[in-house]
Amino acid sequence: MLTILGFAMIATFLVLIMMKKMSPIAALVLIPALFCVFVGKGAKLGDYVIDGVTSLAPTAAMLMFAIVYFGVMIDVGLFDPIVRGILKFCKADPLRIVVGTALLAAIVSLDGDGSTTFMITVSAMYPLYKRLKMSLVVMTGVAAMANGVMNTLPWGGPTARAATALKLDASDIFVPMIPALAVGLLFVFALSYVLGRRERKRLGVLTLDEVLVEEKAEEKESETVLVGAGAGAGAGKGNGTGKGSLPTGGAGAAADADDDEPEMQVLDPNRTTLRPKLYWFNALLTVTLLTAMIMEWLPIPVLFLLGAALALTVNFPHMPDQKARLGAHAENVLNVSGMVFAAAVFTGVLQGTGMVDHMAKWVVGNIPDGMGPHMALATGLLSIPFTYFMSNDGFYFGILPVLAEAGQAHGVSSLEIARASLIGQPLHMSSPLVPAVYVLVGMAKVEFGDHTRFVVKWAALTSLVVLGAGILFGII
C-alpha cells in the first residue's frame, strides 16, 4: 500500500504543477500532507516536516546568502565583462546564444555547485534572451542539462555519495566515466545547436545595432502613445496644455519601467551600484570563495554567509545602501528559500512514512532474474527516474547498496554499478526536489511546470546517450 501511495503522491504532484493547477510551493506542502493522512500517520506529520526542514536548513541558508552574494557581485559589475564577451561572440544570433548558454553553464559548473552555476549563467544570459524575445525555457533547459552532466564531478556530490555508500574510491568511479560523460556533454552542445537553429528560424538574426534600433523605435512608439493619451486626458480636463496626465519623464519613464528588472541592468554601464575601483577585490573574493568551496575549508553555508557580509560591507559601507541591496534581492531570496522549505515537507513525508523504502524494494524486487548479469544496465536505467523522484541521498544511500548487492550476486562489480548510478544526473538537476532548480527558474522568471515540460524529454535522452556511450566504451 505504501508503494502505491508513494507513486500516487509523486504522480499527483507532477500532474498538478505541470497543468498549473497548483503552485509548486502549495503542491509541495499540501499534497504530501494529504497523503500522510491517507497513510494513517497524520499525527506524525509535524515530526516528519521538522525532520525534513532540519535536513534542508543548511541548504536553504546557503541559497539565501549565495543569492545575496552573487546579487551584490552583479550589482557592482563583476560579471559585466563576461556579458560583454558573450555579446561579442553571440552577435545577437539566437543559435550562438543558446550554444553560449550551454558552454557558460558547463564552465561555471566546474565549481561543483548547481546554485552558483545557475545564478551566474542566468545573470549573464537573461538580458540577451529578454532583448531578443527568445524562449526562456530553452535557457533554463540547456543550463540544467549542461550542469547535470558536470554534476558528476567528484566534488559535485553524486560521485562522492556513490563512493561512500559502496566504500569505493571516487576517482575509480569517475575517471573511467570521463569518455561517456564527454559524449553526454557533446550531445548537450549538439542539442543546443538544434534548439538554437529553431530559435534563429523563429526570430531571425539581427546585429546588435539593429536590436538597439528596434528598442529605440519601440520607445518612440511608447512615447507617442503616452503623449497622445496625455493630450486626450488634458483636453478632457480642460487645461488645454496636453500635459495634465503625462507621466513625469515621458518616454524616459517608460524606458525606466522596462529596465526595472535587475537582470536587465547587468548591461547598464551607468548604474549607480557599479564599483569599478573594487573590481579586482571582488574578483579575488569570488575566486577565494569558490576555492574554499572546492577545498571544503568551511561548510558552504558559512562561506556564503561570510562572503555576503564582507561583500556588502566593502562595496556598500553605508547602512542605507546595504539595506537597499538586500531589499533589491529579497524577492529572489524569499522565493527560493520558501521553495526549499516546502520541498522539505515533501521529502520529510516520503522518508518518514517509509514510502521511499517500500518503493525501492518494490522496484528492485520486480527486476527479472534474467537481468541479473545486466544489473549495471538496470541500475543506469533505474537511476533516471529514481534520481528525479527522490533526493541523491535517498537514492545513493538507500537504493544503490541494494542494487550493488544484487549485482554482486550475479558477478557484476560494485564499480560498474556505481558508474551506472551516475547516469540519471542530467535529469536529476531538474527534479522538484533539487533546491538549485528553483534558483534557475526563479531568476529566469520561468514557471516550474513550463521548465519541466520542456526539459524532461531532452534530459532523459541525454542520460540515455551517456548510458549508451558507457556501454559502447565498455565502462558499464
Protein backbone atom coordinates (compact mmCIF):
# COMPACT_ATOMS: atom_id res chain seq x y z
CA MET A 1 0.00 0.00 0.00
CA LEU A 2 2.82 2.40 0.85
CA THR A 3 4.36 1.69 -2.54
CA ILE A 4 1.17 2.58 -4.38
CA LEU A 5 0.59 5.69 -2.28
CA GLY A 6 4.20 6.81 -2.82
CA PHE A 7 3.95 6.60 -6.60
CA ALA A 8 0.47 8.18 -6.49
CA MET A 9 1.76 11.11 -4.43
CA ILE A 10 4.60 11.81 -6.85
CA ALA A 11 2.33 11.47 -9.89
CA THR A 12 -0.28 13.78 -8.36
CA PHE A 13 2.35 16.40 -7.60
CA LEU A 14 3.82 16.34 -11.12
CA VAL A 15 0.43 16.42 -12.86
CA LEU A 16 -0.85 19.36 -10.82
CA ILE A 17 2.21 21.56 -11.30
CA MET A 18 2.61 20.71 -14.99
CA MET A 19 -1.06 21.53 -15.60
CA LYS A 20 -0.62 24.68 -13.46
CA LYS A 21 -3.47 23.72 -11.18
CA MET A 22 -1.33 24.49 -8.13
CA SER A 23 1.82 26.48 -7.48
CA PRO A 24 4.94 24.39 -6.71
CA ILE A 25 5.08 25.65 -3.11
CA ALA A 26 1.44 24.79 -2.44
CA ALA A 27 1.78 21.39 -4.12
CA LEU A 28 4.96 20.54 -2.22
CA VAL A 29 3.20 21.24 1.08
CA LEU A 30 -0.44 20.22 0.65
CA ILE A 31 -0.11 17.02 -1.40
CA PRO A 32 2.32 15.22 0.98
CA ALA A 33 0.27 16.41 3.96
CA LEU A 34 -2.83 14.89 2.40
CA PHE A 35 -1.10 11.60 1.58
CA CYS A 36 0.38 11.47 5.08
CA VAL A 37 -3.22 11.39 6.35
CA PHE A 38 -4.11 8.70 3.80
CA VAL A 39 -1.23 6.58 5.10
CA GLY A 40 -2.69 6.88 8.58
CA LYS A 41 0.23 8.82 10.04
CA GLY A 42 -1.27 12.30 10.10
CA ALA A 43 -0.46 12.63 13.79
CA LYS A 44 3.26 12.39 12.95
CA LEU A 45 3.15 14.97 10.15
CA GLY A 46 4.77 17.57 12.40
CA ASP A 47 7.71 15.29 13.18
CA TYR A 48 8.21 14.44 9.50
CA VAL A 49 8.15 18.11 8.49
CA ILE A 50 10.56 19.15 11.23
CA ASP A 51 12.94 16.35 10.23
CA GLY A 52 12.75 17.46 6.59
CA VAL A 53 13.26 21.12 7.44
CA THR A 54 16.18 20.28 9.72
CA SER A 55 17.91 18.31 6.98
CA LEU A 56 17.42 21.07 4.37
CA ALA A 57 18.01 24.10 6.61
CA PRO A 58 21.74 24.33 5.74
CA THR A 59 20.85 24.22 2.04
CA ALA A 60 18.27 26.98 2.47
CA ALA A 61 20.80 29.11 4.36
CA MET A 62 23.40 28.54 1.66
CA LEU A 63 20.97 29.57 -1.08
CA MET A 64 19.82 32.67 0.80
CA PHE A 65 23.31 34.06 1.29
CA ALA A 66 24.54 32.84 -2.11
CA ILE A 67 21.76 34.82 -3.80
CA VAL A 68 22.71 37.91 -1.80
CA TYR A 69 26.41 37.44 -2.57
CA PHE A 70 26.05 36.93 -6.31
CA GLY A 71 23.35 39.58 -6.46
CA VAL A 72 25.82 42.08 -4.99
CA MET A 73 28.52 40.90 -7.42
CA ILE A 74 26.10 41.51 -10.30
CA ASP A 75 25.23 44.94 -8.93
CA VAL A 76 28.86 46.03 -8.66
CA GLY A 77 29.68 44.82 -12.20
CA LEU A 78 31.83 41.74 -11.59
CA PHE A 79 30.17 39.80 -14.42
CA ASP A 80 29.81 42.66 -16.89
CA PRO A 81 32.98 41.65 -18.83
CA ILE A 82 31.55 38.13 -19.19
CA VAL A 83 28.29 39.55 -20.53
CA ARG A 84 30.14 41.81 -22.96
CA GLY A 85 32.30 38.89 -24.11
CA ILE A 86 29.27 36.70 -24.72
CA LEU A 87 27.54 39.58 -26.51
CA LYS A 88 30.55 39.93 -28.77
CA PHE A 89 30.56 36.19 -29.52
CA CYS A 90 26.80 35.81 -29.91
CA LYS A 91 26.24 38.88 -32.13
CA ALA A 92 22.51 38.75 -31.41
CA ASP A 93 22.35 35.33 -33.12
CA PRO A 94 19.92 33.02 -31.25
CA LEU A 95 21.91 29.96 -32.30
CA ARG A 96 25.13 31.30 -30.79
CA ILE A 97 23.31 32.48 -27.69
CA VAL A 98 21.86 29.03 -26.92
CA VAL A 99 25.22 27.32 -27.53
CA GLY A 100 26.88 30.01 -25.41
CA THR A 101 24.42 29.24 -22.61
CA ALA A 102 25.43 25.58 -22.59
CA LEU A 103 29.13 26.45 -22.73
CA LEU A 104 28.92 29.00 -19.92
CA ALA A 105 26.89 26.64 -17.70
CA ALA A 106 29.39 23.82 -18.29
CA ILE A 107 32.38 26.01 -17.45
CA VAL A 108 30.87 27.52 -14.32
CA SER A 109 29.76 24.03 -13.20
CA LEU A 110 33.40 23.24 -12.50
CA ASP A 111 32.87 24.74 -9.05
CA GLY A 112 30.57 21.81 -8.26
CA ASP A 113 27.62 23.89 -7.05
CA GLY A 114 24.44 24.00 -9.12
CA SER A 115 23.03 27.12 -7.49
CA THR A 116 26.17 29.12 -8.23
CA THR A 117 26.15 27.87 -11.83
CA PHE A 118 22.56 28.91 -12.40
CA MET A 119 23.00 32.32 -10.76
CA ILE A 120 25.95 33.23 -12.95
CA THR A 121 24.52 31.72 -16.14
CA VAL A 122 21.11 33.35 -15.82
CA SER A 123 22.62 36.68 -14.78
CA ALA A 124 24.81 36.71 -17.90
CA MET A 125 22.35 35.30 -20.44
CA TYR A 126 18.94 36.59 -19.32
CA PRO A 127 19.42 40.08 -20.85
CA LEU A 128 20.17 38.53 -24.25
CA TYR A 129 17.13 36.24 -24.20
CA LYS A 130 14.97 39.10 -22.98
CA ARG A 131 16.14 41.61 -25.58
CA LEU A 132 15.79 39.19 -28.49
CA LYS A 133 12.48 37.77 -27.18
CA MET A 134 13.94 34.25 -27.13
CA SER A 135 12.33 31.34 -25.27
CA LEU A 136 13.44 31.42 -21.64
CA VAL A 137 12.69 27.71 -21.14
CA VAL A 138 15.38 26.99 -23.73
CA MET A 139 17.83 28.85 -21.50
CA THR A 140 16.78 27.04 -18.32
CA GLY A 141 16.65 23.64 -20.04
CA VAL A 142 20.07 23.91 -21.66
CA ALA A 143 21.68 25.24 -18.46
CA ALA A 144 20.14 22.46 -16.35
CA MET A 145 21.31 19.69 -18.73
CA ALA A 146 24.86 21.03 -19.01
CA ASN A 147 25.07 21.33 -15.25
CA GLY A 148 23.57 17.84 -14.82
CA VAL A 149 26.36 16.24 -16.85
CA MET A 150 29.02 18.23 -14.98
CA ASN A 151 27.36 17.43 -11.64
CA THR A 152 29.08 14.04 -11.78
CA LEU A 153 32.43 15.64 -10.86
CA PRO A 154 33.80 14.04 -7.68
CA TRP A 155 33.23 17.24 -5.71
CA GLY A 156 29.76 17.73 -7.21
CA GLY A 157 28.02 15.26 -4.90
CA PRO A 158 26.68 12.10 -6.63
CA THR A 159 30.09 10.50 -7.21
CA ALA A 160 31.13 11.12 -3.62
CA ARG A 161 27.84 9.66 -2.37
CA ALA A 162 28.21 6.56 -4.55
CA ALA A 163 31.79 6.09 -3.34
CA THR A 164 30.75 6.47 0.29
CA ALA A 165 27.72 4.16 0.01
CA LEU A 166 29.71 1.35 -1.65
CA LYS A 167 33.03 2.03 0.11
CA LEU A 168 34.89 2.75 -3.13
CA ASP A 169 37.38 5.34 -4.28
CA ALA A 170 35.70 8.29 -6.03
CA SER A 171 38.46 8.52 -8.65
CA ASP A 172 37.97 4.83 -9.56
CA ILE A 173 34.32 5.61 -10.28
CA PHE A 174 34.71 8.93 -12.06
CA VAL A 175 37.88 8.70 -14.18
CA PRO A 176 36.73 5.74 -16.35
CA MET A 177 33.40 7.56 -16.86
CA ILE A 178 35.04 10.63 -18.42
CA PRO A 179 34.70 9.44 -22.08
CA ALA A 180 30.98 8.68 -21.64
CA LEU A 181 30.38 11.96 -19.83
CA ALA A 182 32.27 13.82 -22.56
CA VAL A 183 29.92 12.28 -25.12
CA GLY A 184 26.98 13.41 -23.00
CA LEU A 185 28.32 16.96 -22.86
CA LEU A 186 28.88 16.98 -26.61
CA PHE A 187 25.30 15.82 -27.03
CA VAL A 188 24.12 18.79 -24.91
CA PHE A 189 26.10 21.14 -27.17
CA ALA A 190 24.62 19.46 -30.27
CA LEU A 191 21.14 19.74 -28.79
CA SER A 192 21.84 23.41 -28.02
CA TYR A 193 22.78 23.89 -31.66
CA VAL A 194 19.50 22.34 -32.81
CA LEU A 195 17.44 24.39 -30.35
CA GLY A 196 19.38 27.48 -31.35
CA ARG A 197 18.59 26.88 -35.01
CA ARG A 198 14.91 26.66 -34.09
CA GLU A 199 15.11 29.98 -32.29
CA ARG A 200 17.04 31.53 -35.18
CA LYS A 201 14.40 30.35 -37.63
CA ARG A 202 11.65 31.74 -35.44
CA LEU A 203 13.27 35.10 -34.73
CA GLY A 204 15.85 35.64 -37.45
CA VAL A 205 19.36 37.05 -36.95
CA LEU A 206 19.91 40.69 -36.07
CA THR A 207 23.03 42.73 -35.44
CA LEU A 208 23.35 44.42 -32.07
CA ASP A 209 22.83 47.78 -33.77
CA GLU A 210 19.57 46.52 -35.25
CA VAL A 211 18.45 45.33 -31.81
CA LEU A 212 19.15 48.76 -30.34
CA VAL A 213 17.37 50.47 -33.25
CA GLU A 214 14.31 48.27 -32.65
CA GLU A 215 14.36 49.12 -28.95
CA LYS A 216 14.58 52.85 -29.70
CA ALA A 217 11.71 52.53 -32.18
CA GLU A 218 9.62 50.81 -29.51
CA GLU A 219 10.49 53.59 -27.04
CA LYS A 220 9.44 56.27 -29.56
CA GLU A 221 6.20 54.41 -30.23
CA SER A 222 5.59 54.21 -26.50
CA GLU A 223 6.35 57.93 -26.17
CA THR A 224 3.86 58.74 -28.93
CA VAL A 225 1.16 56.69 -27.22
CA LEU A 226 1.86 58.34 -23.87
CA VAL A 227 1.83 61.85 -25.34
CA GLY A 228 -1.40 61.12 -27.20
CA ALA A 229 -3.00 59.75 -24.07
CA GLY A 230 -1.77 62.73 -22.08
CA ALA A 231 -3.17 65.20 -24.60
CA GLY A 232 -6.53 63.46 -24.63
CA ALA A 233 -6.71 63.41 -20.86
CA GLY A 234 -5.61 67.03 -20.66
CA ALA A 235 -8.28 68.11 -23.14
CA GLY A 236 -10.83 66.23 -21.14
CA LYS A 237 -9.86 68.18 -18.02
CA GLY A 238 -9.98 71.46 -19.92
CA ASN A 239 -6.42 72.58 -19.06
CA GLY A 240 -5.54 72.97 -22.75
CA THR A 241 -1.88 72.06 -22.21
CA GLY A 242 -1.95 68.37 -23.12
CA LYS A 243 0.32 67.65 -20.11
CA GLY A 244 -2.23 67.10 -17.43
CA SER A 245 -1.78 63.32 -17.13
CA LEU A 246 1.56 62.78 -18.86
CA PRO A 247 3.85 60.76 -16.56
CA THR A 248 6.90 62.65 -15.39
CA GLY A 249 9.82 61.96 -17.66
CA GLY A 250 7.74 60.98 -20.72
CA ALA A 251 9.39 58.20 -22.69
CA GLY A 252 12.18 58.05 -20.16
CA ALA A 253 9.71 56.83 -17.58
CA ALA A 254 8.53 54.13 -19.94
CA ALA A 255 12.11 53.07 -20.58
CA ASP A 256 12.84 53.03 -16.86
CA ALA A 257 9.81 50.83 -16.29
CA ASP A 258 11.25 48.31 -18.73
CA ASP A 259 14.64 48.48 -17.05
CA ASP A 260 13.38 47.96 -13.51
CA GLU A 261 14.25 44.28 -13.70
CA PRO A 262 17.70 43.81 -12.09
CA GLU A 263 18.79 41.30 -14.74
CA MET A 264 18.33 43.91 -17.49
CA GLN A 265 20.57 46.30 -15.58
CA VAL A 266 23.50 43.88 -15.84
CA LEU A 267 24.27 45.53 -19.18
CA ASP A 268 23.69 49.10 -17.96
CA PRO A 269 27.17 50.70 -17.82
CA ASN A 270 25.89 53.71 -15.87
CA ARG A 271 24.08 52.11 -12.94
CA THR A 272 24.87 53.70 -9.59
CA THR A 273 25.81 50.40 -7.92
CA LEU A 274 28.93 49.87 -10.06
CA ARG A 275 32.21 49.72 -8.14
CA PRO A 276 34.96 49.73 -10.82
CA LYS A 277 37.69 50.62 -8.29
CA LEU A 278 36.84 47.48 -6.31
CA TYR A 279 36.67 45.16 -9.32
CA TRP A 280 39.82 43.19 -8.52
CA PHE A 281 38.91 42.95 -4.85
CA ASN A 282 35.53 41.46 -5.79
CA ALA A 283 37.14 39.11 -8.34
CA LEU A 284 39.68 37.90 -5.77
CA LEU A 285 36.96 37.49 -3.15
CA THR A 286 34.87 35.39 -5.54
CA VAL A 287 37.82 33.20 -6.60
CA THR A 288 38.75 32.70 -2.95
CA LEU A 289 35.16 31.80 -2.07
CA LEU A 290 34.88 29.24 -4.88
CA THR A 291 38.30 27.79 -3.98
CA ALA A 292 37.24 27.46 -0.36
CA MET A 293 34.08 25.63 -1.52
CA ILE A 294 36.04 23.16 -3.62
CA MET A 295 38.69 22.62 -0.92
CA GLU A 296 35.96 22.37 1.75
CA TRP A 297 37.72 24.73 4.13
CA LEU A 298 34.40 25.56 5.78
CA PRO A 299 30.79 24.44 5.29
CA ILE A 300 29.31 26.11 2.20
CA PRO A 301 26.54 27.98 4.12
CA VAL A 302 29.19 29.51 6.38
CA LEU A 303 31.34 30.52 3.42
CA PHE A 304 28.49 32.31 1.67
CA LEU A 305 27.36 33.95 4.90
CA LEU A 306 30.86 35.36 5.43
CA GLY A 307 31.23 36.24 1.75
CA ALA A 308 27.90 38.09 1.60
CA ALA A 309 28.67 40.05 4.78
CA LEU A 310 32.14 41.01 3.52
CA ALA A 311 30.90 41.93 0.02
CA LEU A 312 28.16 44.18 1.43
CA THR A 313 30.45 45.86 3.95
CA VAL A 314 33.27 46.66 1.50
CA ASN A 315 31.17 47.63 -1.54
CA PHE A 316 28.41 49.43 0.32
CA PRO A 317 29.83 50.76 3.60
CA HIS A 318 26.78 52.96 4.32
CA MET A 319 23.88 51.24 6.06
CA PRO A 320 21.10 52.63 3.78
CA ASP A 321 22.95 51.30 0.71
CA GLN A 322 23.26 47.85 2.30
CA LYS A 323 19.56 47.81 3.11
CA ALA A 324 18.77 48.83 -0.46
CA ARG A 325 20.84 45.94 -1.88
CA LEU A 326 19.22 43.45 0.47
CA GLY A 327 15.80 44.78 -0.47
CA ALA A 328 16.62 44.51 -4.18
CA HIS A 329 17.30 40.78 -3.86
CA ALA A 330 14.71 39.98 -1.19
CA GLU A 331 12.19 38.61 -3.71
CA ASN A 332 14.62 36.01 -5.07
CA VAL A 333 15.70 35.07 -1.55
CA LEU A 334 12.11 34.60 -0.38
CA ASN A 335 11.04 32.61 -3.45
CA VAL A 336 13.97 30.20 -3.31
CA SER A 337 14.15 29.69 0.45
CA GLY A 338 10.37 29.25 0.57
CA MET A 339 10.56 26.60 -2.12
CA VAL A 340 13.32 24.75 -0.27
CA PHE A 341 11.36 24.59 2.97
CA ALA A 342 8.27 23.49 1.05
CA ALA A 343 10.32 20.71 -0.56
CA ALA A 344 11.34 19.69 2.97
CA VAL A 345 7.70 18.77 3.64
CA PHE A 346 7.65 16.54 0.55
CA THR A 347 10.92 14.75 1.36
CA GLY A 348 10.09 14.53 5.05
CA VAL A 349 6.79 12.73 4.39
CA LEU A 350 8.29 10.45 1.72
CA GLN A 351 11.05 9.31 4.04
CA GLY A 352 9.22 9.47 7.37
CA THR A 353 6.26 7.34 6.27
CA GLY A 354 8.57 4.76 4.69
CA MET A 355 7.19 5.28 1.18
CA VAL A 356 10.67 5.64 -0.31
CA ASP A 357 11.89 2.37 1.20
CA HIS A 358 8.84 0.44 0.00
CA MET A 359 9.09 1.94 -3.50
CA ALA A 360 12.75 0.98 -3.72
CA LYS A 361 12.17 -2.58 -2.54
CA TRP A 362 9.26 -2.99 -4.96
CA VAL A 363 11.32 -1.87 -7.93
CA VAL A 364 14.34 -4.00 -7.03
CA GLY A 365 12.11 -6.99 -6.29
CA ASN A 366 10.49 -6.76 -9.70
CA ILE A 367 13.72 -6.88 -11.65
CA PRO A 368 13.59 -10.17 -13.64
CA ASP A 369 16.12 -12.83 -12.70
CA GLY A 370 17.37 -12.80 -16.28
CA MET A 371 18.52 -9.21 -15.75
CA GLY A 372 20.93 -10.30 -13.01
CA PRO A 373 24.05 -10.32 -15.23
CA HIS A 374 22.95 -6.95 -16.61
CA MET A 375 22.45 -5.19 -13.28
CA ALA A 376 24.72 -2.34 -14.33
CA LEU A 377 22.42 -1.59 -17.25
CA ALA A 378 19.38 -1.93 -14.98
CA THR A 379 20.98 0.45 -12.48
CA GLY A 380 21.65 3.02 -15.19
CA LEU A 381 18.06 2.87 -16.41
CA LEU A 382 16.62 2.99 -12.88
CA SER A 383 18.81 5.95 -11.92
CA ILE A 384 17.00 8.15 -14.46
CA PRO A 385 13.54 8.12 -12.80
CA PHE A 386 14.79 7.39 -9.29
CA THR A 387 17.14 10.37 -9.03
CA TYR A 388 14.34 12.54 -10.39
CA PHE A 389 11.72 11.41 -7.91
CA MET A 390 13.94 11.39 -4.85
CA SER A 391 16.98 13.12 -3.42
CA ASN A 392 20.50 11.97 -4.21
CA ASP A 393 20.89 10.96 -0.57
CA GLY A 394 17.83 8.71 -0.78
CA PHE A 395 18.98 7.04 -3.98
CA TYR A 396 22.67 6.60 -3.27
CA PHE A 397 22.40 5.63 0.38
CA GLY A 398 19.06 3.80 0.25
CA ILE A 399 18.74 2.11 -3.14
CA LEU A 400 22.24 1.85 -4.59
CA PRO A 401 23.54 -0.59 -1.93
CA VAL A 402 20.59 -2.92 -2.67
CA LEU A 403 21.29 -2.77 -6.42
CA ALA A 404 25.01 -3.36 -5.83
CA GLU A 405 24.30 -6.39 -3.66
CA ALA A 406 22.01 -7.83 -6.34
CA GLY A 407 24.70 -7.19 -8.94
CA GLN A 408 27.44 -8.89 -6.93
CA ALA A 409 25.26 -11.98 -6.64
CA HIS A 410 25.46 -12.22 -10.44
CA GLY A 411 29.13 -11.34 -10.80
CA VAL A 412 28.71 -7.62 -11.57
CA SER A 413 31.28 -5.46 -9.77
CA SER A 414 30.29 -2.64 -7.44
CA LEU A 415 32.39 -0.25 -9.55
CA GLU A 416 30.20 -0.86 -12.60
CA ILE A 417 27.06 -0.37 -10.51
CA ALA A 418 28.48 2.85 -9.06
CA ARG A 419 29.33 4.24 -12.51
CA ALA A 420 25.90 3.34 -13.85
CA SER A 421 24.28 5.14 -10.92
CA LEU A 422 25.57 8.47 -12.28
CA ILE A 423 23.55 8.16 -15.50
CA GLY A 424 20.45 9.95 -14.22
CA GLN A 425 22.15 13.21 -13.21
CA PRO A 426 21.24 15.25 -16.34
CA LEU A 427 17.56 14.74 -15.43
CA HIS A 428 18.13 14.92 -11.68
CA MET A 429 19.14 18.61 -11.87
CA SER A 430 15.57 19.47 -12.92
CA SER A 431 13.95 17.42 -10.17
CA PRO A 432 11.43 19.29 -7.99
CA LEU A 433 13.43 18.04 -5.01
CA VAL A 434 16.63 19.86 -6.09
CA PRO A 435 16.76 23.32 -4.49
CA ALA A 436 19.04 24.72 -7.18
CA VAL A 437 16.39 24.32 -9.88
CA TYR A 438 14.25 26.90 -8.08
CA VAL A 439 17.13 29.35 -8.29
CA LEU A 440 17.25 28.68 -12.03
CA VAL A 441 13.54 29.11 -12.78
CA GLY A 442 13.14 31.90 -10.23
CA MET A 443 15.89 34.11 -11.63
CA ALA A 444 14.80 33.34 -15.21
CA LYS A 445 11.15 34.13 -14.34
CA VAL A 446 10.03 30.79 -15.81
CA GLU A 447 7.18 28.69 -14.44
CA PHE A 448 8.48 25.43 -12.99
CA GLY A 449 5.81 23.47 -14.88
CA ASP A 450 6.89 25.02 -18.20
CA HIS A 451 10.51 24.17 -17.47
CA THR A 452 9.55 20.60 -16.58
CA ARG A 453 7.52 20.04 -19.72
CA PHE A 454 10.38 21.27 -21.88
CA VAL A 455 13.38 19.68 -20.22
CA VAL A 456 12.27 16.20 -19.14
CA LYS A 457 12.38 14.58 -22.58
CA TRP A 458 15.71 16.16 -23.56
CA ALA A 459 17.37 15.47 -20.21
CA ALA A 460 16.22 11.84 -20.23
CA LEU A 461 17.59 11.48 -23.76
CA THR A 462 20.92 12.96 -22.62
CA SER A 463 21.07 10.37 -19.83
CA LEU A 464 20.41 7.56 -22.33
CA VAL A 465 23.18 8.90 -24.58
CA VAL A 466 25.63 8.77 -21.64
CA LEU A 467 24.45 5.24 -20.83
CA GLY A 468 24.87 4.14 -24.45
CA ALA A 469 28.36 5.65 -24.59
CA GLY A 470 29.27 3.89 -21.35
CA ILE A 471 28.20 0.55 -22.77
CA LEU A 472 29.96 1.23 -26.09
CA PHE A 473 33.24 2.08 -24.36
CA GLY A 474 32.96 -0.94 -22.04
CA ILE A 475 32.71 1.27 -18.94
CA ILE A 476 29.33 -0.15 -17.94
